[in-house]
C-alpha atoms as a PDB file:
ATOM      1  CA  MET A   1     113.511 102.579 103.952  1.00  0.00           C
ATOM      2  CA  PRO A   2     116.358 100.413 105.321  1.00  0.00           C
ATOM      3  CA  ALA A   3     114.392  97.202 104.882  1.00  0.00           C
ATOM      4  CA  ALA A   4     111.294  96.252 102.930  1.00  0.00           C
ATOM      5  CA  PRO A   5     108.854  93.347 102.984  1.00  0.00           C
ATOM      6  CA  SER A   6     109.260  90.804 100.225  1.00  0.00           C
ATOM      7  CA  ARG A   7     105.645  89.598 100.483  1.00  0.00           C
ATOM      8  CA  LEU A   8     102.555  90.700 102.418  1.00  0.00           C
ATOM      9  CA  ALA A   9      99.335  88.832 103.137  1.00  0.00           C
ATOM     10  CA  LEU A  10      97.346  91.150 105.454  1.00  0.00           C
ATOM     11  CA  LEU A  11      96.631  94.876 105.064  1.00  0.00           C
ATOM     12  CA  ILE A  12      95.059  96.714 108.018  1.00  0.00           C
ATOM     13  CA  PHE A  13      93.616 100.162 107.298  1.00  0.00           C
ATOM     14  CA  ASP A  14      92.772 103.090 109.498  1.00  0.00           C
ATOM     15  CA  LEU A  15      89.429 104.688 108.530  1.00  0.00           C
ATOM     16  CA  ASP A  16      89.117 108.484 108.956  1.00  0.00           C
ATOM     17  CA  GLY A  17      91.793 110.270 106.966  1.00  0.00           C
ATOM     18  CA  THR A  18      92.914 107.042 105.285  1.00  0.00           C
ATOM     19  CA  LEU A  19      89.925 105.465 103.519  1.00  0.00           C
ATOM     20  CA  ILE A  20      87.283 108.160 104.064  1.00  0.00           C
ATOM     21  CA  ASP A  21      87.098 111.942 104.211  1.00  0.00           C
ATOM     22  CA  SER A  22      84.627 112.369 107.070  1.00  0.00           C
ATOM     23  CA  ARG A  23      85.633 115.864 108.124  1.00  0.00           C
ATOM     24  CA  ASP A  24      82.358 117.680 107.325  1.00  0.00           C
ATOM     25  CA  ASP A  25      80.091 115.168 109.048  1.00  0.00           C
ATOM     26  CA  LEU A  26      82.282 115.027 112.145  1.00  0.00           C
ATOM     27  CA  VAL A  27      82.339 118.820 112.389  1.00  0.00           C
ATOM     28  CA  LEU A  28      78.554 119.019 111.996  1.00  0.00           C
ATOM     29  CA  SER A  29      77.877 116.366 114.628  1.00  0.00           C
ATOM     30  CA  VAL A  30      80.329 117.838 117.138  1.00  0.00           C
ATOM     31  CA  ASN A  31      78.819 121.300 116.741  1.00  0.00           C
ATOM     32  CA  LEU A  32      75.252 119.991 117.014  1.00  0.00           C
ATOM     33  CA  ALA A  33      76.241 118.281 120.267  1.00  0.00           C
ATOM     34  CA  LEU A  34      77.873 121.477 121.541  1.00  0.00           C
ATOM     35  CA  ALA A  35      74.801 123.524 120.626  1.00  0.00           C
ATOM     36  CA  GLY A  36      72.609 121.165 122.645  1.00  0.00           C
ATOM     37  CA  LEU A  37      74.853 121.804 125.636  1.00  0.00           C
ATOM     38  CA  GLY A  38      74.748 125.572 125.185  1.00  0.00           C
ATOM     39  CA  ARG A  39      78.269 125.773 123.763  1.00  0.00           C
ATOM     40  CA  PRO A  40      79.370 127.809 120.714  1.00  0.00           C
ATOM     41  CA  PRO A  41      80.420 125.968 117.529  1.00  0.00           C
ATOM     42  CA  LEU A  42      84.039 125.185 116.749  1.00  0.00           C
ATOM     43  CA  PRO A  43      85.795 125.881 113.433  1.00  0.00           C
ATOM     44  CA  GLU A  44      86.197 122.971 111.037  1.00  0.00           C
ATOM     45  CA  ALA A  45      89.994 122.944 111.297  1.00  0.00           C
ATOM     46  CA  VAL A  46      89.817 122.768 115.094  1.00  0.00           C
ATOM     47  CA  VAL A  47      87.467 119.770 115.113  1.00  0.00           C
ATOM     48  CA  ALA A  48      89.543 118.006 112.448  1.00  0.00           C
ATOM     49  CA  ASN A  49      92.620 118.453 114.641  1.00  0.00           C
ATOM     50  CA  TYR A  50      90.793 116.750 117.520  1.00  0.00           C
ATOM     51  CA  VAL A  51      90.025 113.597 115.492  1.00  0.00           C
ATOM     52  CA  GLY A  52      92.057 110.402 115.774  1.00  0.00           C
ATOM     53  CA  ASP A  53      91.874 109.193 119.362  1.00  0.00           C
ATOM     54  CA  GLY A  54      88.247 108.040 119.483  1.00  0.00           C
ATOM     55  CA  ALA A  55      84.877 109.709 120.022  1.00  0.00           C
ATOM     56  CA  PRO A  56      85.192 110.139 123.822  1.00  0.00           C
ATOM     57  CA  VAL A  57      88.472 112.062 123.501  1.00  0.00           C
ATOM     58  CA  LEU A  58      87.100 114.039 120.538  1.00  0.00           C
ATOM     59  CA  MET A  59      84.191 115.330 122.616  1.00  0.00           C
ATOM     60  CA  GLN A  60      86.321 115.940 125.703  1.00  0.00           C
ATOM     61  CA  ARG A  61      88.576 118.138 123.600  1.00  0.00           C
ATOM     62  CA  ALA A  62      85.594 119.892 122.016  1.00  0.00           C
ATOM     63  CA  LEU A  63      84.197 120.618 125.502  1.00  0.00           C
ATOM     64  CA  GLY A  64      87.521 121.966 126.725  1.00  0.00           C
ATOM     65  CA  LEU A  65      87.950 119.112 129.197  1.00  0.00           C
ATOM     66  CA  LEU A  66      91.182 118.065 127.506  1.00  0.00           C
ATOM     67  CA  PRO A  67      93.762 120.309 125.809  1.00  0.00           C
ATOM     68  CA  PRO A  68      94.164 120.181 122.030  1.00  0.00           C
ATOM     69  CA  PRO A  69      96.552 117.466 120.865  1.00  0.00           C
ATOM     70  CA  ASP A  70     100.169 118.485 120.487  1.00  0.00           C
ATOM     71  CA  ARG A  71     101.032 117.150 117.046  1.00  0.00           C
ATOM     72  CA  ASN A  72     104.723 117.638 117.785  1.00  0.00           C
ATOM     73  CA  ARG A  73     104.627 115.043 120.572  1.00  0.00           C
ATOM     74  CA  ARG A  74     103.649 111.391 120.756  1.00  0.00           C
ATOM     75  CA  PRO A  75     100.083 110.759 121.979  1.00  0.00           C
ATOM     76  CA  GLU A  76      99.606 110.138 125.680  1.00  0.00           C
ATOM     77  CA  ALA A  77      96.747 108.604 127.647  1.00  0.00           C
ATOM     78  CA  PRO A  78      94.367 111.369 128.824  1.00  0.00           C
ATOM     79  CA  PRO A  79      94.239 112.042 132.580  1.00  0.00           C
ATOM     80  CA  PRO A  80      91.126 111.012 134.535  1.00  0.00           C
ATOM     81  CA  LEU A  81      88.321 113.579 134.740  1.00  0.00           C
ATOM     82  CA  ALA A  82      86.729 114.969 137.863  1.00  0.00           C
ATOM     83  CA  GLU A  83      83.208 113.740 138.600  1.00  0.00           C
ATOM     84  CA  ALA A  84      81.426 116.812 137.202  1.00  0.00           C
ATOM     85  CA  GLU A  85      83.647 116.813 134.126  1.00  0.00           C
ATOM     86  CA  ALA A  86      83.043 113.103 133.552  1.00  0.00           C
ATOM     87  CA  GLU A  87      79.271 113.658 133.680  1.00  0.00           C
ATOM     88  CA  LEU A  88      79.534 116.481 131.131  1.00  0.00           C
ATOM     89  CA  ALA A  89      81.775 114.317 128.945  1.00  0.00           C
ATOM     90  CA  GLU A  90      79.198 111.488 128.994  1.00  0.00           C
ATOM     91  CA  ARG A  91      76.404 113.860 128.000  1.00  0.00           C
ATOM     92  CA  GLY A  92      78.527 115.322 125.218  1.00  0.00           C
ATOM     93  CA  LEU A  93      79.515 111.909 123.896  1.00  0.00           C
ATOM     94  CA  ALA A  94      75.917 110.658 123.907  1.00  0.00           C
ATOM     95  CA  ALA A  95      74.774 113.784 122.033  1.00  0.00           C
ATOM     96  CA  PHE A  96      77.576 113.485 119.489  1.00  0.00           C
ATOM     97  CA  LEU A  97      76.886 109.805 118.793  1.00  0.00           C
ATOM     98  CA  ALA A  98      73.166 110.460 118.409  1.00  0.00           C
ATOM     99  CA  HIS A  99      73.750 113.231 115.879  1.00  0.00           C
ATOM    100  CA  TYR A 100      76.495 111.319 114.092  1.00  0.00           C
ATOM    101  CA  ALA A 101      74.243 108.280 113.628  1.00  0.00           C
ATOM    102  CA  THR A 102      71.953 110.545 111.590  1.00  0.00           C
ATOM    103  CA  HIS A 103      74.603 112.528 109.698  1.00  0.00           C
ATOM    104  CA  LEU A 104      77.484 110.085 109.176  1.00  0.00           C
ATOM    105  CA  LEU A 105      76.890 109.791 105.421  1.00  0.00           C
ATOM    106  CA  ASP A 106      75.726 113.319 104.618  1.00  0.00           C
ATOM    107  CA  ARG A 107      79.022 114.307 102.986  1.00  0.00           C
ATOM    108  CA  THR A 108      81.466 111.556 103.949  1.00  0.00           C
ATOM    109  CA  ALA A 109      83.090 109.940 100.907  1.00  0.00           C
ATOM    110  CA  LEU A 110      85.888 107.580 100.017  1.00  0.00           C
ATOM    111  CA  TYR A 111      89.093 109.292  99.011  1.00  0.00           C
ATOM    112  CA  PRO A 112      89.837 109.165  95.266  1.00  0.00           C
ATOM    113  CA  GLY A 113      90.849 105.718  94.092  1.00  0.00           C
ATOM    114  CA  VAL A 114      89.905 103.902  97.311  1.00  0.00           C
ATOM    115  CA  ALA A 115      87.020 101.792  95.978  1.00  0.00           C
ATOM    116  CA  GLU A 116      88.955 100.701  92.900  1.00  0.00           C
ATOM    117  CA  GLY A 117      92.158 100.188  94.852  1.00  0.00           C
ATOM    118  CA  LEU A 118      90.586  98.062  97.557  1.00  0.00           C
ATOM    119  CA  ARG A 119      89.011  95.813  94.946  1.00  0.00           C
ATOM    120  CA  GLU A 120      92.317  95.394  93.152  1.00  0.00           C
ATOM    121  CA  LEU A 121      94.142  94.626  96.401  1.00  0.00           C
ATOM    122  CA  ARG A 122      91.483  92.079  97.302  1.00  0.00           C
ATOM    123  CA  ALA A 123      91.691  90.493  93.834  1.00  0.00           C
ATOM    124  CA  ALA A 124      95.462  90.239  94.232  1.00  0.00           C
ATOM    125  CA  GLY A 125      94.955  87.976  97.241  1.00  0.00           C
ATOM    126  CA  PHE A 126      95.426  90.337 100.179  1.00  0.00           C
ATOM    127  CA  ARG A 127      93.281  89.930 103.289  1.00  0.00           C
ATOM    128  CA  LEU A 128      91.887  93.385 104.130  1.00  0.00           C
ATOM    129  CA  ALA A 129      90.754  94.703 107.523  1.00  0.00           C
ATOM    130  CA  VAL A 130      89.859  98.016 109.170  1.00  0.00           C
ATOM    131  CA  LEU A 131      91.116  99.066 112.607  1.00  0.00           C
ATOM    132  CA  THR A 132      89.930 102.509 113.691  1.00  0.00           C
ATOM    133  CA  ASN A 133      89.477 104.417 116.930  1.00  0.00           C
ATOM    134  CA  LYS A 134      86.003 105.471 115.753  1.00  0.00           C
ATOM    135  CA  PRO A 135      83.233 103.429 117.443  1.00  0.00           C
ATOM    136  CA  VAL A 136      82.621 100.216 115.545  1.00  0.00           C
ATOM    137  CA  ARG A 137      78.899 100.675 114.780  1.00  0.00           C
ATOM    138  CA  PRO A 138      79.220 103.941 112.787  1.00  0.00           C
ATOM    139  CA  SER A 139      82.417 102.620 111.202  1.00  0.00           C
ATOM    140  CA  ARG A 140      80.603  99.600 109.796  1.00  0.00           C
ATOM    141  CA  ALA A 141      77.587 101.723 108.780  1.00  0.00           C
ATOM    142  CA  ILE A 142      79.797 104.117 106.824  1.00  0.00           C
ATOM    143  CA  LEU A 143      81.665 101.362 104.984  1.00  0.00           C
ATOM    144  CA  ALA A 144      78.376  99.635 104.186  1.00  0.00           C
ATOM    145  CA  GLY A 145      76.824 102.870 102.973  1.00  0.00           C
ATOM    146  CA  LEU A 146      79.813 103.491 100.714  1.00  0.00           C
ATOM    147  CA  GLY A 147      79.581  99.961  99.310  1.00  0.00           C
ATOM    148  CA  VAL A 148      82.961  98.608 100.407  1.00  0.00           C
ATOM    149  CA  ASP A 149      82.247  96.782 103.676  1.00  0.00           C
ATOM    150  CA  GLY A 150      82.211  93.395 101.929  1.00  0.00           C
ATOM    151  CA  LEU A 151      85.859  93.807 100.947  1.00  0.00           C
ATOM    152  CA  PHE A 152      87.012  93.486 104.586  1.00  0.00           C
ATOM    153  CA  PHE A 153      87.039  90.255 106.556  1.00  0.00           C
ATOM    154  CA  SER A 154      87.010  92.244 109.827  1.00  0.00           C
ATOM    155  CA  ILE A 155      86.089  95.802 110.845  1.00  0.00           C
ATOM    156  CA  TYR A 156      87.085  96.790 114.381  1.00  0.00           C
ATOM    157  CA  GLY A 157      86.494 100.105 116.142  1.00  0.00           C
ATOM    158  CA  GLY A 158      87.675 101.970 119.174  1.00  0.00           C
ATOM    159  CA  ASN A 159      85.188 100.163 121.404  1.00  0.00           C
ATOM    160  CA  SER A 160      85.895  96.678 120.035  1.00  0.00           C
ATOM    161  CA  PHE A 161      88.669  96.075 122.573  1.00  0.00           C
ATOM    162  CA  ALA A 162      89.531  97.225 126.075  1.00  0.00           C
ATOM    163  CA  ARG A 163      92.293  99.443 124.648  1.00  0.00           C
ATOM    164  CA  LYS A 164      92.434 101.656 121.540  1.00  0.00           C
ATOM    165  CA  LYS A 165      95.273 102.320 119.127  1.00  0.00           C
ATOM    166  CA  PRO A 166      98.204 102.783 119.599  1.00  0.00           C
ATOM    167  CA  ASP A 167      97.808  99.678 121.760  1.00  0.00           C
ATOM    168  CA  PRO A 168      98.525  96.715 119.450  1.00  0.00           C
ATOM    169  CA  VAL A 169      95.631  94.520 120.656  1.00  0.00           C
ATOM    170  CA  GLY A 170      93.582  95.152 117.502  1.00  0.00           C
ATOM    171  CA  VAL A 171      96.430  94.304 115.139  1.00  0.00           C
ATOM    172  CA  GLU A 172      97.335  91.252 117.193  1.00  0.00           C
ATOM    173  CA  THR A 173      93.731  90.054 117.073  1.00  0.00           C
ATOM    174  CA  LEU A 174      93.616  90.422 113.292  1.00  0.00           C
ATOM    175  CA  LEU A 175      96.928  88.594 112.923  1.00  0.00           C
ATOM    176  CA  GLY A 176      95.519  85.752 114.979  1.00  0.00           C
ATOM    177  CA  GLU A 177      92.311  85.616 112.952  1.00  0.00           C
ATOM    178  CA  CYS A 178      94.333  85.243 109.748  1.00  0.00           C
ATOM    179  CA  GLY A 179      97.143  83.122 111.115  1.00  0.00           C
ATOM    180  CA  VAL A 180      99.588  85.638 109.639  1.00  0.00           C
ATOM    181  CA  ASP A 181     103.046  86.480 110.952  1.00  0.00           C
ATOM    182  CA  PRO A 182     103.446  90.204 111.777  1.00  0.00           C
ATOM    183  CA  ARG A 183     106.168  90.596 109.141  1.00  0.00           C
ATOM    184  CA  ARG A 184     103.629  89.605 106.483  1.00  0.00           C
ATOM    185  CA  ALA A 185     101.229  92.346 107.577  1.00  0.00           C
ATOM    186  CA  ALA A 186     101.056  96.117 107.250  1.00  0.00           C
ATOM    187  CA  MET A 187      99.233  98.800 109.256  1.00  0.00           C
ATOM    188  CA  ILE A 188      98.240 101.738 107.040  1.00  0.00           C
ATOM    189  CA  GLY A 189      97.092 105.122 108.307  1.00  0.00           C
ATOM    190  CA  ASP A 190      97.453 108.878 108.250  1.00  0.00           C
ATOM    191  CA  SER A 191      98.971 109.500 111.695  1.00  0.00           C
ATOM    192  CA  SER A 192     101.707 108.496 114.085  1.00  0.00           C
ATOM    193  CA  VAL A 193      99.056 106.623 116.096  1.00  0.00           C
ATOM    194  CA  ASP A 194      98.806 104.097 113.262  1.00  0.00           C
ATOM    195  CA  VAL A 195     102.575 103.834 112.925  1.00  0.00           C
ATOM    196  CA  LEU A 196     102.985 103.207 116.650  1.00  0.00           C
ATOM    197  CA  THR A 197     100.186 100.622 116.555  1.00  0.00           C
ATOM    198  CA  GLY A 198     101.701  98.647 113.721  1.00  0.00           C
ATOM    199  CA  ARG A 199     105.194  98.884 115.107  1.00  0.00           C
ATOM    200  CA  ALA A 200     104.080  97.681 118.563  1.00  0.00           C
ATOM    201  CA  ALA A 201     102.636  94.573 116.906  1.00  0.00           C
ATOM    202  CA  GLY A 202     105.764  93.961 114.825  1.00  0.00           C
ATOM    203  CA  ALA A 203     104.051  94.751 111.506  1.00  0.00           C
ATOM    204  CA  TRP A 204     105.200  96.942 108.628  1.00  0.00           C
ATOM    205  CA  THR A 205     103.796 100.470 108.521  1.00  0.00           C
ATOM    206  CA  TRP A 206     102.615 102.748 105.713  1.00  0.00           C
ATOM    207  CA  GLY A 207     101.673 106.404 106.111  1.00  0.00           C
ATOM    208  CA  VAL A 208      99.332 108.277 103.782  1.00  0.00           C
ATOM    209  CA  THR A 209     100.029 111.995 103.551  1.00  0.00           C
ATOM    210  CA  TYR A 210      96.619 113.196 102.325  1.00  0.00           C
ATOM    211  CA  GLY A 211      94.645 112.584 105.555  1.00  0.00           C
ATOM    212  CA  PHE A 212      93.868 114.414 108.794  1.00  0.00           C
ATOM    213  CA  ALA A 213      97.200 114.250 110.606  1.00  0.00           C
ATOM    214  CA  PRO A 214     100.070 113.681 108.141  1.00  0.00           C
ATOM    215  CA  ALA A 215     102.360 116.059 110.039  1.00  0.00           C
ATOM    216  CA  THR A 216     102.477 113.560 112.903  1.00  0.00           C
ATOM    217  CA  LEU A 217     104.198 111.041 110.637  1.00  0.00           C
ATOM    218  CA  ALA A 218     107.385 113.052 111.138  1.00  0.00           C
ATOM    219  CA  LEU A 219     107.347 112.051 114.813  1.00  0.00           C
ATOM    220  CA  ASP A 220     107.405 108.339 114.046  1.00  0.00           C
ATOM    221  CA  PRO A 221     108.248 107.839 110.383  1.00  0.00           C
ATOM    222  CA  PRO A 222     106.566 104.790 108.827  1.00  0.00           C
ATOM    223  CA  ASP A 223     108.397 102.263 106.714  1.00  0.00           C
ATOM    224  CA  ALA A 224     106.913 103.863 103.587  1.00  0.00           C
ATOM    225  CA  THR A 225     104.583 106.713 102.609  1.00  0.00           C
ATOM    226  CA  ALA A 226     102.134 107.398  99.788  1.00  0.00           C
ATOM    227  CA  ALA A 227     100.573 110.683  98.672  1.00  0.00           C
ATOM    228  CA  SER A 228      97.407 109.078  97.252  1.00  0.00           C
ATOM    229  CA  PHE A 229      95.548 105.797  97.457  1.00  0.00           C
ATOM    230  CA  PRO A 230      96.493 104.799  93.900  1.00  0.00           C
ATOM    231  CA  GLU A 231     100.145 105.422  94.796  1.00  0.00           C
ATOM    232  CA  LEU A 232      99.707 103.275  97.893  1.00  0.00           C
ATOM    233  CA  CYS A 233      98.263 100.449  95.822  1.00  0.00           C
ATOM    234  CA  ALA A 234     101.097 100.734  93.311  1.00  0.00           C
ATOM    235  CA  GLN A 235     103.526 100.132  96.174  1.00  0.00           C
ATOM    236  CA  LEU A 236     101.558  97.273  97.719  1.00  0.00           C
ATOM    237  CA  LEU A 237     100.455  95.222  94.722  1.00  0.00           C
ATOM    238  CA  PRO A 238     103.940  93.918  93.849  1.00  0.00           C
ATOM    239  CA  LEU A 239     104.158  92.603  97.421  1.00  0.00           C
ATOM    240  CA  ALA A 240     101.094  90.357  97.148  1.00  0.00           C
ATOM    241  CA  GLU A 241     101.846  86.695  97.717  1.00  0.00           C
ATOM    242  CA  SER A 242      99.916  85.641  94.620  1.00  0.00           C
ATOM    243  CA  ALA A 243     101.196  86.044  91.062  1.00  0.00           C
ATOM    244  CA  ALA A 244      98.304  88.435  90.407  1.00  0.00           C
ATOM    245  CA  GLY A 245      99.876  90.834  92.871  1.00  0.00           C
ATOM    246  CA  ARG A 246     102.819  91.539  90.590  1.00  0.00           C
ATOM    247  CA  VAL A 247     100.819  93.879  88.334  1.00  0.00           C
ATOM    248  CA  THR A 248     101.101  97.654  88.514  1.00  0.00           C
ATOM    249  CA  MET A 249      98.268  99.801  89.838  1.00  0.00           C
ATOM    250  CA  LYS A 250      96.817 102.261  87.331  1.00  0.00           C
ATOM    251  CA  THR A 251      97.405 105.845  88.369  1.00  0.00           C
ATOM    252  CA  GLU A 252      94.141 107.306  87.089  1.00  0.00           C
ATOM    253  CA  VAL A 253      91.713 108.311  89.822  1.00  0.00           C
END
């Protein structure tokens, strides 16, 4: 990259496709909601492609109320729905959230190296936060169930603010909570939505290429990329402001 941070204090992580592999539980909950509405199930790859813009948009896509995302174009705000469509969307969203509350930890797991890496980043002195477009309640429940919620000083979801990513309000709020300049912070995620979010706030951006939407990173290339969480940590640890951050991350998963 043409420039690189010399030191970082705040790391902001996306959730689905970055810290957790939640594909199976999302697919199950979407298809249970569709079944309750008399709709046929969708293939796993289709549902996974719909993830990333929050639960309301996920269900609107699953119900055919919105077209599939075009991963070769930047995300756009969805158009308003007609009254009958909006009522169906509300029913679908309520059904999805009810099922997901029951199934969110059936098969969801941290990606390899995430638990160890987060602890090492925290020990190196980084402040860690989560900013996701998933609703905040299931986001916090998942991180608690996986035993890593205590590593983050803040966990914000798609309904925590009036606007979701790629709007920078979440990053700006976290910067304010820490008193950190944007150039000492990084937004880390698996899609162009995360890159656009970080860039809009003036922060550095990292893309992980193992998640749900790595192809979108070609649209808006981040400042750096990593193919695994241990590789990400190896890049970040030397940038910690404390002396402990100058160690090298082990590569074993």
